[in-house]
Amino acid sequence: MRPEIDIHVLGPWEIRRDGEIVAIPPGQLRVLLAALVISVGQPVTTDTLAERLWPEEQPGNARGSLHTYVGRVRQLLGHDVIRRVSASRYQLSVEPNRVDLYRFRELLRQSRTQLSPHQELALLYEALRLWRGRPFSDVASSWVDRDVVPRLTEEWFAATERRIDIEMDVRQPESIIAELHELTGQYPTRESLWVRLILALHRAGRREDALVAYAQVFRVLSDEFGIDPGAELQRLRREVLQGHPTAVLRAPAPRQLPHDIAKFTGRQEELTKLDSLLTNLDGAPIIVSIDGAPGMGKTALALHWAHRVADKYSDVQLYLNLRGYGPGEPVPPDAAAEALLRELGVSGDAIPSDVDERSALLRSKLSDRRPLILLDNARDAGQVRPLLPGSSALVIVTSRNQLRGLSVRDGAHRVTLNPMSHRQAIDLLSSAIGPHRVAEEPTAAARLVRLCDYLPLALAIVAERAHRTDSLADVVLALEDEKARLDNLGSGDDDPHTDLRAALSWSYRALRKSAALMFRKLGLLPANDIGLDAAAALSGMPRGQAKDALDQLIATNLLEQPRPGRYQLHDLIRLYATKMVMTHEVQAERDEAIERVLDWYLHAAVAADKVLIPHRNRDFVAPHKARIPPPVFVDAKEVTAWFEDEYESLRSITAWAATNGWDGHAWRIAMALTTLFDSAVPWREGLKFFQSALDGAKAAGERAGEAYLLNSVGCIHLDKEEYHKAKSYFERSLARFRELDIARGLGMTLGNLSMTHANLGDGEIARDYARAALDLYEDVDYPRGITQNLDNLGIALRVAGDYAAAVESHLQAHQRFLRSGDVMTEAFNQHNLGLAYAALGDIPRAIRALRTSISFQRATANRRWEAVTMADLGRVIKAAGHPRIARSVLTSAMNIMLELADPRAKDIEAELAMML
């Protein structure tokens, strides 16, 4: 009979066999068990076990020693407790519910499925009672300390903070203040605990105490990290000062579902089937695929049902058009995952590059919520699968494809839409135009729905026209004439969309002139959606007239408005719009429209970039001048919001322009977006975007574009610390700029080559490049370039060992900053000044400069370089003999790097491990 093994690791190490404590000797036996417990029920390879037992250096016979340890554990706990799965894999055969760590995680999972806050709170209390102290506290292992304990501690923090949040909602805030004082005392650098303490004090009416608490955390962060409190703490302080009550602890969850169909009619059988799927809301996600032919009403049904059941999934409601069928390419799975992560509040730099990592992060972000996700217009199951949450979710997918793979592999429930029945189609028409009109002309109504082939999309378009016609018989006659006209043009019974095309043609010819022009022009663009300003540019209309035209298209069901200010064409309607513009407008008119909208995107991107970097050289924009006033942005927040709205359109329009003869616009738009991509888009996406623009410029013989884009691609490799790749791109860029005699481009690339050689350790070469760039920029009188290359020269001098000269060069750059106010350049200069002071041994000035850099990096929202600078600050503090403070600073830097999926986090982890 197998023994019953109970394992307790959430505190002091404890193992019981049949109720009796088993003494596991300290040392490697406990590390071995810890490695198996973390993966209980799953095989673990001998290589992995060896790495965890001997993380620094393995003994000569690691495999033999491992087998010996396994044998000793079996003697203590029973032979079957550790099972050999294969020649190179072992598995701990203990039921997960007998391991406190897995009971804790299961209770948390259950808590997330509760609709009542009191039920959730009870489960959280039960889960947290399992904790008896620091996890694995009796296991001496750098692997456990580095990789296991921090992750488990974060799980405890997340559960504790969630419990506190619920208690503040369902109880008086005074009941939690004492505990929060204790927690902030134990963990003084965890800002989220201070947020809750200040919030509880504020809600309890203790305004002065709340401000005192803010002052305390300000001192802690300033003393230990040299940084100011984060945005949430600063916002809370403002609200306390203003006396505003607040209950917000995190950004509101997205509610993205487009509006429901006001008079949705029919599909009762399908709705009943869909409702029956929601019998069990816990456990695995419920996946529903709705498939059918174009125009069948898949999206309308999906939206109507989503709104109907939204109260059961009130945490998060996400919507994404995957563009599986329509103009351009479908949204790739990695880009789709990125879009969803952005809507959940994940910053661009925090999104990993790999699709599997993005998928895992998406599941993590949704793991403590009950999300509803509507994925519209999917191409196939492979496009959808990486977007599926892990549990307690409803995912609705629409597609022309039956998505059988999603059913077979992922358990999706299929609902196939066929044409509406005659009765349903009549009901839909009655709902749209009024039952009295159908009752007055039943024969005409019956003929009308047959002419529309019972397609909901065609019926919706025809019903709108019927509103403006006295007799349904007249509508039938006009539609029959339209079908006959199309038959004569060669699109008759063999065309499955003839009925829809007849409805579209009939509606199009009834449009006002301005609306018809707007409709045609929309058929030119590859982007999935378009904003009002871009649509005005495309049509050549003033903004007000463009909005009126768009509103008429919405009223006639030819255009959709998924959210204010954004417009979309159904893919079938877009095909018709494209046909109309190709038929009714000559090439010159089409080119003029495309040039207008590309000019608008270019100068809108330039206007956004000017807010972020006012002093940047933008010679590359010439000769294109703004023919339509671009948007006016007040601050970086507005720029970020605009970029979020236009991101997909910018990617689509730039890629399309690069392959359709508009290469000059393509590379210039890409160049205008370099700062936005650097601050908000992961490296992988940026590299793909700029490499694509580079390929287009090269193919079109756009030598200037090639020069600029070679430099931009090199900059991404430089940021990624791929210095030899960066050097190759910069050298090719330099050759192009020399060939074209573009002076500022030459200076830009010389400066980047200086930084690259400095990072490669070639201080003398780096110095020569920086001085060449300085001379060139002084000749052309470009102040920002001079400041940047004084900074570059300082880096080169430091690498070459001339520390005093390096400090002097950085101080010269600083003096120029005082005149220009170029915060972004000064942030980097202060970082490098701090490193130069540290090399001189002037630690106080080094720390001061690095702290100044961190504050500037935060002001420009550059979290990646904030973390890099913070890591250097930690190293300087460590060298000065303050390991405790250094460890705190390095840990904070590492956490930001981990959040940004930056590979340099591993280097910081290794440093922290060496400090144990």
Foldseek 3Di string as FASTA:
>chain_A
DAWAWAFAFLEEGWIDTNRHTFDDDAAQLLQLVVVQLVVAPDKDFLVVSQCQNCVPDGDPPSVVVVVVSLVVVCVRRNVVQWDDPDPTIIHGHHPLCRYLVSLLVVLLQVLLLDPDLVVSLVSLVVSLVSHDDQGNPRHDTLCCVQPPRVVVVVVNVVSVLVNLLSCVVPHQLVVCLVVLVVVCVVVVQPVLSLLSNLLSCLSNVNLVVSVVSLVSSQVVCCVQQLAGDDPSSVVSNVCSVVSHRDSDSDPAADDQQFDADPLDFDPPVVLVVVVVQPPDLWWFEAAAEEAEDPLQCRSNVVSNSCVVCVVSFVRHEEEDEQCLDFFDHGNALQNVLVLVVVSLPAFQLLQDDDLLSSLVVLQVSCSSGQYEYEYEAHNEVNSCVSNGHGISYYYYYYYNDQRVVCCVPVVHHYDYGDQGDLVRLLVLLCSLQNVVQCVVPVPLSSLVCVLLVSRNLLSLLLSLVVNVPPHSNVSSVQLVVLLVVVVVVPCHPVHPCSSSVSSLVVSLVPADPLLNLLLLLLLLARFQKDFQVLSCQLSVHPSVSSVVSVVVCVSSSQWDDSDPGMIGGRRVSSVVSPVVNVPPDDPVSNVNSLVRSLLQLLVLLLQLLCQLFVQDDLPLCPPRDNPDDHDHDDHNVSSLVVCSVCVRVLLRSLLCCLPPVNLSSNLSSLLSCLVVCLQGHHLNVNLVSLVSSLVSCVVVVVLLSVLSSLQSNLVSCVVLVVLVSSLVSLVVSLVSCVVVVPLLSNLSSLLVNLSSVLSVLNLVSSLVSLVVSLVSCVVVVRLVSNLLSLLSNLSSCVSVPNLVSSLVSLVVSVVSCVVVVRLVSLLSSLLSNLVSCLSVVNLVSSLVSLSSSLHSCVVSSRLLVNLVSLLVSLVSVVVVPDNVSSLVSLVVSLVSCNSSVRPCSVVSSVVSSVSD
